[in-house]
């Protein structure tokens, strides 16, 4: 079938829209990809909504969240239409859309996860059956609700030598370990670009540290780094997952812009190294997807602390910017067929879970 995947990550930078051909099992062929950046006003509105959501003890409607959800829906409908135009494919030819929505709070420890965005709105606006709310069923079953991409990572890496690990460097970092027999182990490792982005935005008004240049000009503050690493979460065994707001830039305040960026970058790298020690075996390869693969300073720090050479997924012919969106297209196809998208080894759910709510046309 032809499937569209839509992903808006915790970095709040924009929407990734991908079109793939897939059977939801062994076949996944990328066809087209489009990235739509959020305006500064949209990013500010989403950041306000996220800040509000994190103060609630459970998801509930409130003016900033309602407005942000409407914004998310509008932006995603626009992204679908632009993607179809780019690919020269009619909406009537698309079998399903996988719509992740925008995570505003993730609290599996409290029994909930919160993604704003209404799949029914996307289905009505596009005329395409839409699958949304991918995480709630897993959390309701006792899982972490994240990470969900391992099932797609396994399909992408089917022909590669194992064991290997796929490291996703988005706002939060997560790792997927694939064993020689196909076993999957996955969990969040810690902040990825999130803290670095917040630091340079506050200090310089930048969306990210392009090429890791600011961090490369600074020095790591060992005292701050040690304090940040002194967190029992890093020693906790998987499964485990994070909300982007679980870590902040507060410990780095008082450092220069360059030293703060260097320290936060090294913090991300060291948390990756700590995570790899929790895997069943050392991976033969460390394949990197997500925006962080464009940061050579971060990749050098990861290599230094792990002893592995991070490989950009692009070297394998994958588009590292579109893997997450492709994954939600793939998972939507699986949901339509009643196939699971999460497993005990990936989210800690007691049994495999078929996730997603289907909005048919």
Protein backbone atom coordinates (compact mmCIF):
# COMPACT_ATOMS: atom_id res chain seq x y z
CA UNK A 1 0.00 0.00 0.00
CA UNK A 2 0.97 3.68 -0.26
CA UNK A 3 1.29 5.29 3.16
CA UNK A 4 2.13 8.78 4.40
CA UNK A 5 3.82 9.31 7.76
CA UNK A 6 3.73 12.60 9.66
CA UNK A 7 6.07 13.41 12.52
CA UNK A 8 6.47 16.57 14.59
CA UNK A 9 9.17 16.04 17.18
CA UNK A 10 9.93 17.51 20.59
CA UNK A 11 12.48 19.85 19.03
CA UNK A 12 9.49 21.86 17.73
CA UNK A 13 11.37 22.64 14.53
CA UNK A 14 8.72 21.52 12.05
CA UNK A 15 6.88 18.66 10.38
CA UNK A 16 8.45 15.73 8.54
CA UNK A 17 6.16 14.17 5.91
CA UNK A 18 7.16 10.98 4.10
CA UNK A 19 5.50 8.83 1.46
CA UNK A 20 6.44 5.15 1.29
CA UNK A 21 5.29 1.97 -0.37
CA UNK A 22 4.99 -0.83 2.18
CA UNK A 23 3.27 -4.05 3.10
CA UNK A 24 3.72 -3.27 6.80
CA UNK A 25 6.03 -6.26 7.10
CA UNK A 26 9.22 -6.79 5.12
CA UNK A 27 8.78 -4.23 2.35
CA UNK A 28 9.30 -0.47 2.82
CA UNK A 29 10.33 1.70 -0.12
CA UNK A 30 10.65 5.46 0.43
CA UNK A 31 9.13 7.50 -2.39
CA UNK A 32 9.06 11.15 -1.31
CA UNK A 33 9.87 13.37 1.66
CA UNK A 34 9.16 16.95 2.59
CA UNK A 35 10.10 19.00 5.64
CA UNK A 36 7.96 21.95 6.68
CA UNK A 37 9.56 24.30 9.21
CA UNK A 38 7.37 25.96 11.82
CA UNK A 39 7.32 29.74 11.90
CA UNK A 40 8.75 31.44 14.96
CA UNK A 41 5.19 32.28 16.04
CA UNK A 42 4.09 28.66 15.71
CA UNK A 43 7.10 27.42 17.66
CA UNK A 44 6.36 29.91 20.43
CA UNK A 45 2.72 28.79 20.57
CA UNK A 46 3.70 25.13 20.75
CA UNK A 47 6.32 25.84 23.41
CA UNK A 48 3.69 27.64 25.48
CA UNK A 49 1.30 24.72 25.13
CA UNK A 50 4.01 22.24 26.13
CA UNK A 51 4.94 24.30 29.19
CA UNK A 52 1.29 24.36 30.23
CA UNK A 53 0.83 20.62 29.67
CA UNK A 54 3.76 19.79 31.90
CA UNK A 55 2.05 21.49 34.84
CA UNK A 56 -1.03 19.24 34.63
CA UNK A 57 -1.44 16.01 36.58
CA UNK A 58 -3.34 14.51 33.61
CA UNK A 59 -4.28 15.58 30.07
CA UNK A 60 -7.11 18.07 29.97
CA UNK A 61 -8.48 20.71 27.66
CA UNK A 62 -7.31 24.28 28.19
CA UNK A 63 -7.19 27.30 25.87
CA UNK A 64 -3.48 27.08 24.97
CA UNK A 65 -3.71 23.33 24.30
CA UNK A 66 -6.89 23.63 22.21
CA UNK A 67 -5.37 26.39 20.10
CA UNK A 68 -2.12 24.47 19.68
CA UNK A 69 -3.99 21.33 18.61
CA UNK A 70 -5.87 23.28 15.95
CA UNK A 71 -2.55 24.72 14.74
CA UNK A 72 -1.00 21.26 14.58
CA UNK A 73 -3.89 19.88 12.55
CA UNK A 74 -3.81 22.77 10.05
CA UNK A 75 -0.06 22.53 9.57
CA UNK A 76 -0.18 18.78 9.01
CA UNK A 77 -2.98 19.01 6.45
CA UNK A 78 -0.88 21.57 4.59
CA UNK A 79 2.16 19.26 4.76
CA UNK A 80 0.17 16.35 3.30
CA UNK A 81 -1.06 18.46 0.40
CA UNK A 82 2.44 19.74 -0.37
CA UNK A 83 3.90 16.24 -0.20
CA UNK A 84 1.28 14.88 -2.60
CA UNK A 85 1.96 17.75 -5.00
CA UNK A 86 5.73 17.12 -4.84
CA UNK A 87 5.26 13.39 -5.47
CA UNK A 88 2.59 13.98 -8.12
CA UNK A 89 0.35 11.45 -6.40
CA UNK A 90 -3.40 11.85 -5.92
CA UNK A 91 -4.93 11.63 -2.46
CA UNK A 92 -7.20 8.86 -3.74
CA UNK A 93 -4.12 6.70 -4.35
CA UNK A 94 -3.01 6.86 -0.69
CA UNK A 95 -4.18 4.02 1.53
CA UNK A 96 -3.39 5.46 4.94
CA UNK A 97 -1.80 8.34 6.85
CA UNK A 98 0.11 7.75 10.07
CA UNK A 99 -0.33 10.93 12.15
CA UNK A 100 1.81 11.14 15.27
CA UNK A 101 0.70 14.60 16.38
CA UNK A 102 2.75 16.70 18.80
CA UNK A 103 3.87 15.35 22.15
CA UNK A 104 3.25 17.98 24.81
CA UNK A 105 3.86 15.72 27.83
CA UNK A 106 4.95 12.13 28.27
CA UNK A 107 4.26 10.62 31.72
CA UNK A 108 4.09 6.82 31.48
CA UNK A 109 4.97 6.68 35.19
CA UNK A 110 1.57 8.29 35.79
CA UNK A 111 -0.17 6.09 33.23
CA UNK A 112 -0.55 8.61 30.40
CA UNK A 113 1.11 10.18 27.40
CA UNK A 114 -0.25 13.23 25.60
CA UNK A 115 -0.04 13.97 21.88
CA UNK A 116 -2.20 16.80 20.57
CA UNK A 117 -3.68 16.56 17.08
CA UNK A 118 -6.88 14.89 15.91
CA UNK A 119 -6.64 12.08 13.38
CA UNK A 120 -10.30 12.53 12.47
CA UNK A 121 -9.55 16.09 11.35
CA UNK A 122 -6.74 14.88 9.10
CA UNK A 123 -8.93 12.15 7.61
CA UNK A 124 -11.79 14.57 6.92
CA UNK A 125 -9.54 17.22 5.38
CA UNK A 126 -7.57 14.85 3.15
CA UNK A 127 -10.14 12.13 2.43
CA UNK A 128 -7.55 9.54 3.50
CA UNK A 129 -7.95 6.94 6.27
CA UNK A 130 -5.76 8.13 9.14
CA UNK A 131 -4.19 6.31 12.08
CA UNK A 132 -3.30 8.45 15.12
CA UNK A 133 -2.72 8.14 18.87
CA UNK A 134 0.00 5.51 18.47
CA UNK A 135 1.26 5.54 22.06
CA UNK A 136 -1.76 5.38 24.36
CA UNK A 137 -2.56 1.68 23.96
CA UNK A 138 0.99 0.74 24.89
CA UNK A 139 0.93 2.93 28.02
CA UNK A 140 -2.49 1.56 28.98
CA UNK A 141 -1.03 -1.96 28.72
CA UNK A 142 1.78 -1.03 31.11
CA UNK A 143 4.43 0.00 28.59
CA UNK A 144 6.46 3.18 28.29
CA UNK A 145 4.78 4.24 25.03
CA UNK A 146 8.25 4.92 23.60
CA UNK A 147 10.31 4.41 21.63
CA UNK A 148 8.07 3.17 18.81
CA UNK A 149 10.44 3.30 15.85
CA UNK A 150 12.28 0.02 16.57
CA UNK A 151 9.78 -2.02 14.54
CA UNK A 152 10.63 0.11 11.50
CA UNK A 153 14.35 0.16 12.31
CA UNK A 154 14.28 -3.63 12.18
CA UNK A 155 12.69 -3.55 8.73
CA UNK A 156 15.29 -1.06 7.45
CA UNK A 157 18.20 -3.05 8.84
CA UNK A 158 16.96 -6.49 7.75
CA UNK A 159 19.94 -7.14 5.48
CA UNK A 160 22.67 -5.79 7.76
CA UNK A 161 25.02 -7.77 9.99
CA UNK A 162 23.95 -7.97 13.63
CA UNK A 163 24.12 -7.02 16.39
CA UNK A 164 23.83 -3.38 15.48
CA UNK A 165 22.37 -0.29 17.07
CA UNK A 166 20.43 2.58 15.55
CA UNK A 167 20.76 5.82 17.49
CA UNK A 168 18.09 8.46 16.92
CA UNK A 169 19.32 11.94 17.85
CA UNK A 170 16.21 14.09 17.95
CA UNK A 171 15.09 16.33 20.82
CA UNK A 172 15.50 13.23 23.01
CA UNK A 173 17.86 10.39 22.04
CA UNK A 174 16.85 6.76 21.82
CA UNK A 175 18.63 3.60 20.78
CA UNK A 176 17.40 0.44 19.07
CA UNK A 177 19.53 -2.70 19.45
CA UNK A 178 18.86 -5.48 16.98
CA UNK A 179 20.32 -8.87 17.85
CA UNK A 180 21.51 -11.62 15.51
CA UNK A 181 18.21 -13.46 15.96
CA UNK A 182 16.12 -10.32 15.45
CA UNK A 183 15.57 -9.57 19.14
CA UNK A 184 14.83 -5.91 19.82
CA UNK A 185 15.89 -3.84 22.82
CA UNK A 186 15.15 -0.13 22.79
CA UNK A 187 14.93 2.80 25.19
CA UNK A 188 15.56 6.52 25.54
CA UNK A 189 19.17 7.33 26.38
CA UNK A 190 18.83 10.95 27.49
CA UNK A 191 18.67 14.39 25.90
CA UNK A 192 19.99 14.64 22.34
CA UNK A 193 19.61 18.00 20.61
CA UNK A 194 17.01 19.31 23.02
CA UNK A 195 19.26 20.91 25.63
CA UNK A 196 21.76 22.17 23.07
CA UNK A 197 18.97 23.77 21.04
CA UNK A 198 17.48 25.41 24.13
CA UNK A 199 20.89 26.75 25.15
CA UNK A 200 21.79 28.40 21.85
CA UNK A 201 18.26 29.70 21.36
CA UNK A 202 18.31 31.43 24.73
CA UNK A 203 21.85 32.74 24.31
CA UNK A 204 21.98 33.61 20.62
CA UNK A 205 18.42 33.37 19.30
CA UNK A 206 19.42 30.40 17.14
CA UNK A 207 17.32 27.31 16.49
CA UNK A 208 20.32 24.96 16.77
CA UNK A 209 24.13 24.89 16.93
CA UNK A 210 24.84 24.54 13.22
CA UNK A 211 27.61 22.03 12.62
CA UNK A 212 28.37 22.05 16.36
CA UNK A 213 30.45 25.19 15.77
CA UNK A 214 29.59 26.92 19.06
CA UNK A 215 30.32 23.79 21.10
CA UNK A 216 33.58 23.25 19.20
CA UNK A 217 34.74 26.70 20.30
CA UNK A 218 34.14 25.97 23.99
CA UNK A 219 35.50 23.79 26.77
CA UNK A 220 33.62 21.19 28.76
CA UNK A 221 33.05 22.22 32.38
CA UNK A 222 33.77 19.00 34.28
CA UNK A 223 32.02 20.11 37.46
CA UNK A 224 28.76 20.89 35.68
CA UNK A 225 29.02 17.73 33.61
CA UNK A 226 29.60 15.55 36.66
CA UNK A 227 26.61 17.07 38.43
CA UNK A 228 24.36 16.47 35.42
CA UNK A 229 25.48 12.85 35.09
CA UNK A 230 24.79 12.22 38.78
CA UNK A 231 21.27 11.02 38.10
CA UNK A 232 19.98 7.55 38.95
CA UNK A 233 17.96 7.48 35.72
CA UNK A 234 21.09 6.66 33.73
CA UNK A 235 21.71 3.52 35.78
CA UNK A 236 18.09 2.35 35.57
CA UNK A 237 17.62 -0.72 33.41
CA UNK A 238 15.42 -0.47 30.33
CA UNK A 239 12.66 -0.16 29.39
CA UNK A 240 12.61 3.56 30.10
CA UNK A 241 11.58 6.73 28.34
CA UNK A 242 11.84 10.46 28.87
CA UNK A 243 9.95 13.68 28.39
CA UNK A 244 12.07 16.43 26.88
CA UNK A 245 11.34 18.51 29.98
CA UNK A 246 12.91 15.93 32.32
CA UNK A 247 16.29 17.63 31.87
CA UNK A 248 16.98 21.38 31.66
CA UNK A 249 19.83 23.77 30.88
CA UNK A 250 19.75 25.15 34.43
CA UNK A 251 22.98 23.43 35.59
CA UNK A 252 24.94 25.15 32.78
CA UNK A 253 23.82 28.67 33.63
CA UNK A 254 26.79 30.89 34.42
CA UNK A 255 28.98 29.31 31.73
CA UNK A 256 29.92 31.15 28.58
CA UNK A 257 27.83 30.45 25.50
CA UNK A 258 30.61 28.31 24.02
CA UNK A 259 31.42 26.42 27.22
CA UNK A 260 27.75 25.78 27.91
CA UNK A 261 27.25 24.36 24.42
CA UNK A 262 30.38 22.22 24.76
CA UNK A 263 29.26 20.88 28.14
CA UNK A 264 25.71 20.07 27.02
CA UNK A 265 27.02 18.41 23.86
CA UNK A 266 29.39 16.24 25.87
CA UNK A 267 26.57 15.45 28.28
CA UNK A 268 24.51 14.02 25.42
CA UNK A 269 27.50 11.99 24.21
CA UNK A 270 28.23 10.56 27.65
CA UNK A 271 24.60 9.57 28.20
CA UNK A 272 24.75 7.63 24.92
CA UNK A 273 27.85 5.84 26.18
CA UNK A 274 26.14 4.99 29.47
CA UNK A 275 23.14 3.64 27.57
CA UNK A 276 25.21 1.36 25.34
CA UNK A 277 26.51 -0.39 28.46
CA UNK A 278 22.94 -1.53 29.16
CA UNK A 279 22.59 -3.35 25.84
CA UNK A 280 22.74 -7.16 25.67
CA UNK A 281 25.96 -6.98 23.62
CA UNK A 282 28.19 -4.33 22.08
CA UNK A 283 26.87 -3.50 18.61
CA UNK A 284 29.08 -4.02 15.58
CA UNK A 285 27.81 -0.75 14.12
CA UNK A 286 26.25 2.43 15.46
CA UNK A 287 24.00 3.96 12.79
CA UNK A 288 22.77 7.49 13.49
CA UNK A 289 19.49 9.01 12.32
CA UNK A 290 17.82 12.31 13.18
CA UNK A 291 19.03 15.89 13.15
CA UNK A 292 21.97 15.21 15.48
CA UNK A 293 23.79 13.33 12.73
CA UNK A 294 24.52 16.74 11.15
CA UNK A 295 26.51 17.81 14.23
CA UNK A 296 30.13 16.63 13.81
CA UNK A 297 31.09 17.92 17.26
CA UNK A 298 28.45 15.71 18.85
CA UNK A 299 29.41 12.71 16.71
CA UNK A 300 33.09 13.09 17.65
CA UNK A 301 32.16 13.21 21.33
CA UNK A 302 30.01 10.07 20.94
CA UNK A 303 32.91 8.28 19.22
CA UNK A 304 35.27 9.37 21.99
CA UNK A 305 33.04 8.11 24.81
CA UNK A 306 31.73 4.92 23.19
CA UNK A 307 34.74 3.69 21.22
CA UNK A 308 32.41 3.22 18.23
CA UNK A 309 32.37 5.20 15.00
CA UNK A 310 28.91 6.70 14.48
CA UNK A 311 27.77 6.17 10.89
CA UNK A 312 25.27 8.52 9.32
CA UNK A 313 22.28 6.58 8.04
CA UNK A 314 22.69 8.42 4.74
CA UNK A 315 25.74 6.29 4.00
CA UNK A 316 23.35 3.31 3.81
CA UNK A 317 21.03 5.07 1.40
CA UNK A 318 18.54 5.99 4.13
CA UNK A 319 17.31 9.56 4.53
CA UNK A 320 18.10 10.18 8.17
CA UNK A 321 15.74 13.16 8.25
CA UNK A 322 12.73 11.13 7.12
CA UNK A 323 13.17 7.85 9.03
CA UNK A 324 10.78 8.82 11.84
CA UNK A 325 8.05 9.98 9.45
CA UNK A 326 8.56 6.85 7.35
CA UNK A 327 8.24 4.81 10.51
CA UNK A 328 4.80 6.19 11.31
CA UNK A 329 3.67 5.46 7.76
CA UNK A 330 4.91 1.88 8.22
CA UNK A 331 3.23 1.56 11.62
CA UNK A 332 -0.05 2.88 10.22
CA UNK A 333 0.04 0.12 7.60
CA UNK A 334 0.66 -2.41 10.38
CA UNK A 335 -2.22 -1.05 12.46
CA UNK A 336 -4.62 -1.46 9.54
CA UNK A 337 -3.57 -5.13 9.38
CA UNK A 338 -3.81 -5.70 13.12
CA UNK A 339 -0.05 -6.15 13.48
CA UNK A 340 1.80 -5.04 16.63
CA UNK A 341 3.99 -1.94 16.73
CA UNK A 342 5.48 -2.30 20.23
CA UNK A 343 6.95 -5.21 22.18
CA UNK A 344 8.23 -6.10 25.65
CA UNK A 345 11.81 -5.38 24.57
CA UNK A 346 11.05 -1.97 23.10
CA UNK A 347 8.59 -0.35 25.52
CA UNK A 348 8.33 -2.82 28.38
CA UNK A 349 4.73 -3.70 27.67
CA UNK A 350 3.89 -7.19 29.00
CA UNK A 351 2.94 -8.35 25.50
CA UNK A 352 3.07 -7.04 21.95
CA UNK A 353 0.59 -4.23 21.32
CA UNK A 354 -1.31 -3.15 18.22
CA UNK A 355 -1.35 0.61 18.65
CA UNK A 356 -3.16 3.45 16.97
CA UNK A 357 -6.71 4.70 16.54
CA UNK A 358 -8.14 4.30 13.02
CA UNK A 359 -10.22 7.10 11.47
CA UNK A 360 -11.72 5.73 8.26
CA UNK A 361 -13.24 7.66 5.40
